[in-house]
Structure formats: C-alpha cells, structure tokens
Amino acid sequence: MRIYTDGVFDLFHFGHANVFKQIKLKYPDCHLIVGVNSDEDTFKYKGPTVMTYEERVKNVSTCKYVDEQLHNVPWIITEEFMIKNNIDYIAREGSPYISDDQDIYSVPKKLGKFLPIINYSSEISTSELINRILKNYDTYYDRNKKRNLI
C-alpha cells in the first residue's frame, strides 16, 4: 500500500517526524511517500519560509520513516496526481485544510482514499518555533553578536 502525506516542513521538528511515525506504526507494511510543497505555493498560500526549499527537502530525506520523496508537489491534491504517482491513500490531519475557500484534500476524501491522522502533534509547530525566536529576539541577537556571527 502506497501512502502519501505532504507539507511545507519548514524548521523540520519532531512533530513532523511523529506524523510519519504514526503512519508507519498504523500501516507497518506501507510505502510512505512524502511530498514537499514548493516555495512558490508555500509563499502564495502560507507565506515565507525560514529554510530554503533545498534545506526542507534534505531534512525530510533524513527521516527514517520516509520511503520515497516527491518534490514541488501540488498544493491541492487531485485524482490525476494520485494516479500519476501510484498513490493509494493520502494521510493527513483529519480536519479540513482550507485554502482558497476549499479543503485541499477534498478529492481524496470524496474518493474514500483519505486516512485521517488522529494524533497530529499539537506540542510543537513551526509557527511556535518562530514565535519563540521572535519573543527572544534580543537574546539570540546578543548571543550571535558575541560569537561574531553578525
């Protein structure tokens, strides 16, 4: 069974890896395909990233749960994309992911090819990490200045 999940994966963290792990634990014989959203779509629908596209791709590739990686994947999943990449199921957080007034996973849901991830990590997120950096900006700035990194 070929299961696909996707994301931006900026500032790759244990929450991202935990999604992959959950899929592998629930479907141990699956072939896990992970798609990394392009900079163009990410900037358009979510905003700028901290990491470059190449860095995001490299981080995902280091995760032991990932069997295959797809690059510059579409923001909205279509049946054509699933057929082209021989994808049996899409696994993502169960609640709708609304972008441009539509659930970007509505097609696999309508096709009965959507596997909701129940325990999507709420302990950490890229937004939370960015907020920590912004909150402690002066501290990090001073630290890097003392180390001659600025």
N, C-alpha and C. Protein backbone atom coordinates (compact mmCIF):
# COMPACT_ATOMS: atom_id res chain seq x y z
N MET A 1 0.85 -1.18 0.00
CA MET A 1 0.00 0.00 0.00
C MET A 1 0.90 1.24 0.00
N ARG A 2 0.63 2.16 -0.91
CA ARG A 2 1.40 3.39 -1.02
C ARG A 2 0.61 4.53 -0.39
N ILE A 3 1.16 5.07 0.69
CA ILE A 3 0.51 6.16 1.42
C ILE A 3 1.33 7.43 1.25
N TYR A 4 0.62 8.51 0.98
CA TYR A 4 1.25 9.80 0.72
C TYR A 4 0.83 10.81 1.79
N THR A 5 1.78 11.61 2.22
CA THR A 5 1.49 12.78 3.04
C THR A 5 2.37 13.91 2.54
N ASP A 6 1.97 15.13 2.83
CA ASP A 6 2.75 16.26 2.31
C ASP A 6 2.80 17.38 3.32
N GLY A 7 3.60 18.38 2.99
CA GLY A 7 3.70 19.53 3.86
C GLY A 7 4.82 20.45 3.42
N VAL A 8 4.92 21.55 4.14
CA VAL A 8 5.98 22.53 3.91
C VAL A 8 7.26 22.05 4.59
N PHE A 9 7.14 21.57 5.81
CA PHE A 9 8.25 21.03 6.60
C PHE A 9 9.35 22.05 6.85
N ASP A 10 8.95 23.29 7.11
CA ASP A 10 9.90 24.34 7.47
C ASP A 10 10.33 24.12 8.91
N LEU A 11 11.57 24.36 9.22
CA LEU A 11 12.13 24.11 10.55
C LEU A 11 11.73 22.72 11.02
N PHE A 12 12.05 21.72 10.22
CA PHE A 12 11.67 20.33 10.49
C PHE A 12 11.89 19.98 11.95
N HIS A 13 10.85 19.42 12.59
CA HIS A 13 10.89 19.12 14.03
C HIS A 13 10.23 17.78 14.32
N PHE A 14 10.26 17.38 15.60
CA PHE A 14 9.75 16.06 15.96
C PHE A 14 8.27 15.89 15.66
N GLY A 15 7.51 16.95 15.59
CA GLY A 15 6.10 16.86 15.22
C GLY A 15 5.93 16.35 13.80
N HIS A 16 6.79 16.82 12.90
CA HIS A 16 6.76 16.33 11.53
C HIS A 16 7.10 14.84 11.49
N ALA A 17 8.21 14.48 12.13
CA ALA A 17 8.64 13.07 12.15
C ALA A 17 7.58 12.19 12.81
N ASN A 18 6.88 12.72 13.81
CA ASN A 18 5.86 11.94 14.50
C ASN A 18 4.70 11.59 13.57
N VAL A 19 4.36 12.47 12.65
CA VAL A 19 3.31 12.17 11.67
C VAL A 19 3.74 10.95 10.85
N PHE A 20 4.97 10.96 10.36
CA PHE A 20 5.47 9.85 9.56
C PHE A 20 5.48 8.56 10.39
N LYS A 21 5.92 8.67 11.63
CA LYS A 21 5.99 7.51 12.52
C LYS A 21 4.60 6.92 12.76
N GLN A 22 3.61 7.78 13.00
CA GLN A 22 2.25 7.29 13.23
C GLN A 22 1.74 6.50 12.03
N ILE A 23 2.01 6.99 10.84
CA ILE A 23 1.56 6.30 9.63
C ILE A 23 2.22 4.93 9.56
N LYS A 24 3.52 4.88 9.81
CA LYS A 24 4.26 3.62 9.73
C LYS A 24 3.82 2.64 10.82
N LEU A 25 3.49 3.15 12.00
CA LEU A 25 3.03 2.27 13.08
C LEU A 25 1.65 1.70 12.77
N LYS A 26 0.78 2.51 12.21
CA LYS A 26 -0.57 2.07 11.90
C LYS A 26 -0.60 1.16 10.67
N TYR A 27 0.28 1.44 9.71
CA TYR A 27 0.35 0.67 8.46
C TYR A 27 1.80 0.23 8.24
N PRO A 28 2.28 -0.74 9.03
CA PRO A 28 3.71 -1.08 9.03
C PRO A 28 4.27 -1.55 7.69
N ASP A 29 3.43 -2.10 6.83
CA ASP A 29 3.93 -2.58 5.54
C ASP A 29 3.76 -1.57 4.42
N CYS A 30 3.36 -0.35 4.77
CA CYS A 30 3.14 0.65 3.73
C CYS A 30 4.45 1.21 3.20
N HIS A 31 4.35 1.77 2.02
CA HIS A 31 5.45 2.52 1.40
C HIS A 31 5.07 3.99 1.58
N LEU A 32 5.79 4.71 2.45
CA LEU A 32 5.44 6.09 2.78
C LEU A 32 6.11 7.07 1.84
N ILE A 33 5.27 7.82 1.14
CA ILE A 33 5.73 8.83 0.20
C ILE A 33 5.46 10.19 0.83
N VAL A 34 6.47 11.04 0.88
CA VAL A 34 6.32 12.37 1.47
C VAL A 34 6.60 13.43 0.41
N GLY A 35 5.62 14.31 0.23
CA GLY A 35 5.76 15.40 -0.72
C GLY A 35 6.12 16.69 -0.01
N VAL A 36 7.04 17.44 -0.59
CA VAL A 36 7.45 18.73 -0.05
C VAL A 36 6.90 19.82 -0.96
N ASN A 37 6.07 20.69 -0.38
CA ASN A 37 5.46 21.77 -1.15
C ASN A 37 6.50 22.75 -1.65
N SER A 38 6.28 23.26 -2.86
CA SER A 38 7.20 24.19 -3.49
C SER A 38 7.23 25.53 -2.75
N ASP A 39 8.31 26.26 -2.95
CA ASP A 39 8.38 27.62 -2.40
C ASP A 39 7.27 28.48 -2.97
N GLU A 40 7.04 28.36 -4.28
CA GLU A 40 6.03 29.18 -4.94
C GLU A 40 4.65 29.01 -4.29
N ASP A 41 4.20 27.77 -4.12
CA ASP A 41 2.91 27.53 -3.50
C ASP A 41 2.92 27.91 -2.02
N THR A 42 4.00 27.58 -1.33
CA THR A 42 4.08 27.89 0.09
C THR A 42 4.00 29.39 0.32
N PHE A 43 4.76 30.16 -0.44
CA PHE A 43 4.73 31.62 -0.28
C PHE A 43 3.34 32.17 -0.60
N LYS A 44 2.71 31.60 -1.63
CA LYS A 44 1.40 32.07 -2.07
C LYS A 44 0.31 31.77 -1.03
N TYR A 45 0.31 30.56 -0.48
CA TYR A 45 -0.78 30.13 0.39
C TYR A 45 -0.50 30.28 1.89
N LYS A 46 0.77 30.27 2.29
CA LYS A 46 1.10 30.32 3.71
C LYS A 46 2.00 31.49 4.09
N GLY A 47 2.89 31.85 3.19
CA GLY A 47 3.84 32.91 3.48
C GLY A 47 5.27 32.40 3.38
N PRO A 48 6.23 33.29 3.67
CA PRO A 48 7.64 32.92 3.51
C PRO A 48 8.09 31.86 4.51
N THR A 49 9.07 31.10 4.10
CA THR A 49 9.66 30.07 4.97
C THR A 49 10.97 30.60 5.55
N VAL A 50 11.43 29.93 6.58
CA VAL A 50 12.74 30.24 7.18
C VAL A 50 13.82 29.51 6.38
N MET A 51 13.54 28.27 6.04
CA MET A 51 14.51 27.43 5.34
C MET A 51 14.26 27.48 3.83
N THR A 52 15.33 27.26 3.07
CA THR A 52 15.19 27.18 1.62
C THR A 52 14.49 25.87 1.26
N TYR A 53 14.03 25.80 0.04
CA TYR A 53 13.39 24.57 -0.43
C TYR A 53 14.36 23.39 -0.32
N GLU A 54 15.59 23.59 -0.74
CA GLU A 54 16.59 22.52 -0.71
C GLU A 54 16.83 22.04 0.71
N GLU A 55 16.86 22.94 1.68
CA GLU A 55 17.04 22.55 3.08
C GLU A 55 15.85 21.74 3.58
N ARG A 56 14.65 22.16 3.20
CA ARG A 56 13.45 21.44 3.63
C ARG A 56 13.44 20.03 3.06
N VAL A 57 13.82 19.89 1.79
CA VAL A 57 13.88 18.58 1.15
C VAL A 57 14.91 17.70 1.84
N LYS A 58 16.09 18.24 2.11
CA LYS A 58 17.15 17.46 2.76
C LYS A 58 16.72 16.99 4.15
N ASN A 59 16.06 17.85 4.91
CA ASN A 59 15.62 17.45 6.24
C ASN A 59 14.64 16.29 6.19
N VAL A 60 13.67 16.37 5.30
CA VAL A 60 12.69 15.29 5.19
C VAL A 60 13.39 13.99 4.79
N SER A 61 14.36 14.09 3.90
CA SER A 61 15.04 12.88 3.41
C SER A 61 15.83 12.16 4.51
N THR A 62 16.14 12.83 5.60
CA THR A 62 16.90 12.20 6.68
C THR A 62 16.02 11.37 7.62
N CYS A 63 14.72 11.49 7.50
CA CYS A 63 13.82 10.81 8.42
C CYS A 63 13.68 9.33 8.04
N LYS A 64 13.92 8.47 9.00
CA LYS A 64 13.95 7.03 8.73
C LYS A 64 12.61 6.45 8.31
N TYR A 65 11.53 7.15 8.55
CA TYR A 65 10.20 6.64 8.20
C TYR A 65 9.83 6.89 6.74
N VAL A 66 10.57 7.74 6.08
CA VAL A 66 10.26 8.13 4.70
C VAL A 66 10.87 7.14 3.72
N ASP A 67 10.02 6.55 2.88
CA ASP A 67 10.50 5.60 1.87
C ASP A 67 10.76 6.26 0.53
N GLU A 68 10.03 7.31 0.25
CA GLU A 68 10.15 7.99 -1.05
C GLU A 68 9.76 9.45 -0.85
N GLN A 69 10.34 10.29 -1.66
CA GLN A 69 10.05 11.72 -1.56
C GLN A 69 9.64 12.26 -2.93
N LEU A 70 8.63 13.12 -2.92
CA LEU A 70 8.23 13.82 -4.14
C LEU A 70 8.49 15.31 -3.95
N HIS A 71 8.97 15.96 -5.00
CA HIS A 71 9.36 17.36 -4.89
C HIS A 71 8.39 18.27 -5.64
N ASN A 72 8.26 19.49 -5.10
CA ASN A 72 7.41 20.52 -5.71
C ASN A 72 6.01 19.97 -6.01
N VAL A 73 5.42 19.36 -5.00
CA VAL A 73 4.10 18.75 -5.16
C VAL A 73 3.02 19.82 -5.20
N PRO A 74 1.87 19.50 -5.79
CA PRO A 74 0.79 20.48 -5.86
C PRO A 74 0.21 20.77 -4.48
N TRP A 75 -0.26 21.99 -4.30
CA TRP A 75 -0.87 22.39 -3.03
C TRP A 75 -2.20 21.67 -2.82
N ILE A 76 -2.97 21.54 -3.89
CA ILE A 76 -4.27 20.87 -3.83
C ILE A 76 -4.13 19.51 -4.49
N ILE A 77 -4.49 18.46 -3.75
CA ILE A 77 -4.34 17.10 -4.24
C ILE A 77 -5.47 16.75 -5.20
N THR A 78 -5.08 16.28 -6.39
CA THR A 78 -6.05 15.89 -7.40
C THR A 78 -5.98 14.38 -7.64
N GLU A 79 -7.01 13.87 -8.26
CA GLU A 79 -7.02 12.46 -8.61
C GLU A 79 -5.90 12.16 -9.61
N GLU A 80 -5.67 13.08 -10.53
CA GLU A 80 -4.61 12.90 -11.53
C GLU A 80 -3.23 12.75 -10.87
N PHE A 81 -2.98 13.57 -9.84
CA PHE A 81 -1.72 13.49 -9.11
C PHE A 81 -1.59 12.13 -8.44
N MET A 82 -2.67 11.65 -7.85
CA MET A 82 -2.64 10.36 -7.16
C MET A 82 -2.39 9.23 -8.16
N ILE A 83 -3.04 9.28 -9.30
CA ILE A 83 -2.85 8.24 -10.32
C ILE A 83 -1.43 8.27 -10.87
N LYS A 84 -0.95 9.48 -11.21
CA LYS A 84 0.40 9.63 -11.78
C LYS A 84 1.48 9.07 -10.86
N ASN A 85 1.29 9.22 -9.54
CA ASN A 85 2.29 8.79 -8.57
C ASN A 85 1.93 7.47 -7.88
N ASN A 86 0.92 6.78 -8.42
CA ASN A 86 0.52 5.48 -7.91
C ASN A 86 0.27 5.52 -6.39
N ILE A 87 -0.50 6.50 -5.96
CA ILE A 87 -0.80 6.71 -4.54
C ILE A 87 -2.14 6.06 -4.21
N ASP A 88 -2.13 5.19 -3.21
CA ASP A 88 -3.35 4.52 -2.79
C ASP A 88 -4.16 5.37 -1.81
N TYR A 89 -3.48 6.02 -0.87
CA TYR A 89 -4.15 6.81 0.16
C TYR A 89 -3.35 8.06 0.50
N ILE A 90 -4.08 9.09 0.94
CA ILE A 90 -3.49 10.32 1.45
C ILE A 90 -3.71 10.29 2.96
N ALA A 91 -2.66 10.55 3.73
CA ALA A 91 -2.77 10.60 5.19
C ALA A 91 -2.41 12.01 5.66
N ARG A 92 -3.34 12.62 6.35
CA ARG A 92 -3.15 13.98 6.89
C ARG A 92 -4.05 14.16 8.09
N GLU A 93 -3.90 15.31 8.75
CA GLU A 93 -4.79 15.65 9.85
C GLU A 93 -6.23 15.62 9.35
N GLY A 94 -7.12 15.08 10.16
CA GLY A 94 -8.49 14.84 9.74
C GLY A 94 -9.32 16.07 9.45
N SER A 95 -9.10 17.14 10.19
CA SER A 95 -9.93 18.33 9.98
C SER A 95 -9.58 18.97 8.64
N PRO A 96 -10.55 19.63 8.02
CA PRO A 96 -10.30 20.23 6.71
C PRO A 96 -9.15 21.23 6.73
N TYR A 97 -8.35 21.21 5.68
CA TYR A 97 -7.27 22.19 5.50
C TYR A 97 -7.77 23.14 4.41
N ILE A 98 -8.27 24.27 4.85
CA ILE A 98 -8.91 25.21 3.93
C ILE A 98 -7.87 26.18 3.34
N SER A 99 -7.87 26.25 2.03
CA SER A 99 -7.01 27.16 1.29
C SER A 99 -7.77 27.57 0.04
N ASP A 100 -7.83 28.85 -0.22
CA ASP A 100 -8.63 29.36 -1.35
C ASP A 100 -10.07 28.85 -1.28
N ASP A 101 -10.63 28.89 -0.08
CA ASP A 101 -12.02 28.50 0.18
C ASP A 101 -12.34 27.05 -0.13
N GLN A 102 -11.35 26.18 -0.13
CA GLN A 102 -11.64 24.76 -0.33
C GLN A 102 -10.72 23.90 0.52
N ASP A 103 -11.19 22.72 0.86
CA ASP A 103 -10.36 21.74 1.56
C ASP A 103 -9.42 21.14 0.52
N ILE A 104 -8.12 21.33 0.71
CA ILE A 104 -7.17 20.89 -0.30
C ILE A 104 -7.10 19.36 -0.42
N TYR A 105 -7.72 18.65 0.53
CA TYR A 105 -7.77 17.19 0.49
C TYR A 105 -9.17 16.68 0.18
N SER A 106 -10.02 17.52 -0.39
CA SER A 106 -11.40 17.12 -0.66
C SER A 106 -11.49 15.99 -1.68
N VAL A 107 -10.62 15.97 -2.67
CA VAL A 107 -10.67 14.92 -3.70
C VAL A 107 -10.40 13.54 -3.10
N PRO A 108 -9.27 13.35 -2.38
CA PRO A 108 -9.07 12.01 -1.80
C PRO A 108 -10.17 11.64 -0.79
N LYS A 109 -10.72 12.62 -0.10
CA LYS A 109 -11.82 12.33 0.83
C LYS A 109 -13.03 11.83 0.07
N LYS A 110 -13.39 12.48 -1.03
CA LYS A 110 -14.53 12.06 -1.85
C LYS A 110 -14.31 10.68 -2.46
N LEU A 111 -13.06 10.37 -2.77
CA LEU A 111 -12.72 9.08 -3.37
C LEU A 111 -12.61 7.96 -2.33
N GLY A 112 -12.73 8.30 -1.04
CA GLY A 112 -12.56 7.29 0.02
C GLY A 112 -11.12 6.86 0.17
N LYS A 113 -10.20 7.76 -0.19
CA LYS A 113 -8.77 7.44 -0.14
C LYS A 113 -8.01 8.39 0.80
N PHE A 114 -8.69 8.77 1.88
CA PHE A 114 -8.09 9.68 2.86
C PHE A 114 -8.02 8.98 4.21
N LEU A 115 -6.84 8.99 4.82
CA LEU A 115 -6.63 8.40 6.13
C LEU A 115 -6.33 9.52 7.13
N PRO A 116 -7.28 9.83 8.02
CA PRO A 116 -7.02 10.90 8.98
C PRO A 116 -5.99 10.48 10.03
N ILE A 117 -5.08 11.39 10.32
CA ILE A 117 -4.10 11.17 11.38
C ILE A 117 -4.72 11.72 12.66
N ILE A 118 -4.99 10.85 13.59
CA ILE A 118 -5.70 11.23 14.82
C ILE A 118 -4.82 12.08 15.73
N ASN A 119 -3.58 11.68 15.94
CA ASN A 119 -2.71 12.34 16.92
C ASN A 119 -1.73 13.30 16.27
N TYR A 120 -2.25 14.23 15.52
CA TYR A 120 -1.38 15.25 14.92
C TYR A 120 -0.75 16.03 16.06
N SER A 121 0.54 16.21 16.06
CA SER A 121 1.26 16.80 17.18
C SER A 121 0.85 18.25 17.43
N SER A 122 0.30 18.51 18.60
CA SER A 122 -0.03 19.89 18.97
C SER A 122 1.02 20.45 19.93
N GLU A 123 2.01 19.62 20.27
CA GLU A 123 3.05 20.04 21.20
C GLU A 123 4.02 21.04 20.60
N ILE A 124 4.18 20.96 19.29
CA ILE A 124 5.16 21.82 18.63
C ILE A 124 4.68 22.11 17.21
N SER A 125 5.07 23.26 16.72
CA SER A 125 4.78 23.63 15.34
C SER A 125 5.84 24.60 14.87
N THR A 126 5.94 24.75 13.57
CA THR A 126 6.88 25.72 13.01
C THR A 126 6.51 27.12 13.48
N SER A 127 5.22 27.42 13.51
CA SER A 127 4.78 28.74 13.97
C SER A 127 5.19 28.98 15.42
N GLU A 128 5.09 27.95 16.25
CA GLU A 128 5.50 28.08 17.66
C GLU A 128 7.01 28.35 17.74
N LEU A 129 7.80 27.65 16.96
CA LEU A 129 9.25 27.88 16.97
C LEU A 129 9.59 29.30 16.54
N ILE A 130 8.93 29.78 15.49
CA ILE A 130 9.17 31.15 15.03
C ILE A 130 8.76 32.14 16.10
N ASN A 131 7.64 31.90 16.76
CA ASN A 131 7.21 32.79 17.85
C ASN A 131 8.22 32.83 18.98
N ARG A 132 8.81 31.69 19.32
CA ARG A 132 9.84 31.67 20.37
C ARG A 132 11.04 32.53 19.97
N ILE A 133 11.45 32.41 18.72
CA ILE A 133 12.59 33.20 18.24
C ILE A 133 12.26 34.69 18.30
N LEU A 134 11.07 35.04 17.82
CA LEU A 134 10.68 36.46 17.84
C LEU A 134 10.58 36.99 19.26
N LYS A 135 10.03 36.21 20.16
CA LYS A 135 9.88 36.63 21.56
C LYS A 135 11.24 36.86 22.22
N ASN A 136 12.22 36.07 21.83
CA ASN A 136 13.55 36.15 22.44
C ASN A 136 14.58 36.73 21.48
N TYR A 137 14.12 37.56 20.55
CA TYR A 137 14.98 38.11 19.51
C TYR A 137 16.25 38.75 20.08
N ASP A 138 16.09 39.64 21.07
CA ASP A 138 17.25 40.35 21.63
C ASP A 138 18.27 39.39 22.21
N THR A 139 17.80 38.36 22.89
CA THR A 139 18.69 37.38 23.49
C THR A 139 19.50 36.66 22.42
N TYR A 140 18.81 36.21 21.37
CA TYR A 140 19.51 35.49 20.30
C TYR A 140 20.42 36.42 19.52
N TYR A 141 20.00 37.65 19.32
CA TYR A 141 20.83 38.63 18.61
C TYR A 141 22.12 38.87 19.39
N ASP A 142 21.99 39.12 20.69
CA ASP A 142 23.17 39.37 21.53
C ASP A 142 24.10 38.16 21.54
N ARG A 143 23.52 36.97 21.64
CA ARG A 143 24.33 35.75 21.66
C ARG A 143 25.14 35.63 20.37
N ASN A 144 24.50 35.85 19.25
CA ASN A 144 25.22 35.71 17.96
C ASN A 144 26.22 36.82 17.75
N LYS A 145 25.91 38.00 18.26
CA LYS A 145 26.86 39.12 18.15
C LYS A 145 28.13 38.81 18.95
N LYS A 146 27.97 38.27 20.16
CA LYS A 146 29.13 37.91 20.99
C LYS A 146 29.98 36.81 20.33
N ARG A 147 29.35 36.00 19.54
CA ARG A 147 30.06 34.91 18.86
C ARG A 147 30.56 35.34 17.48
N ASN A 148 30.46 36.65 17.18
CA ASN A 148 30.89 37.21 15.89
C ASN A 148 30.18 36.56 14.70
N LEU A 149 28.91 36.27 14.88
CA LEU A 149 28.13 35.68 13.79
C LEU A 149 27.28 36.73 13.08
N ILE A 150 27.32 37.94 13.60
CA ILE A 150 26.56 39.03 12.98
C ILE A 150 27.52 40.15 12.64
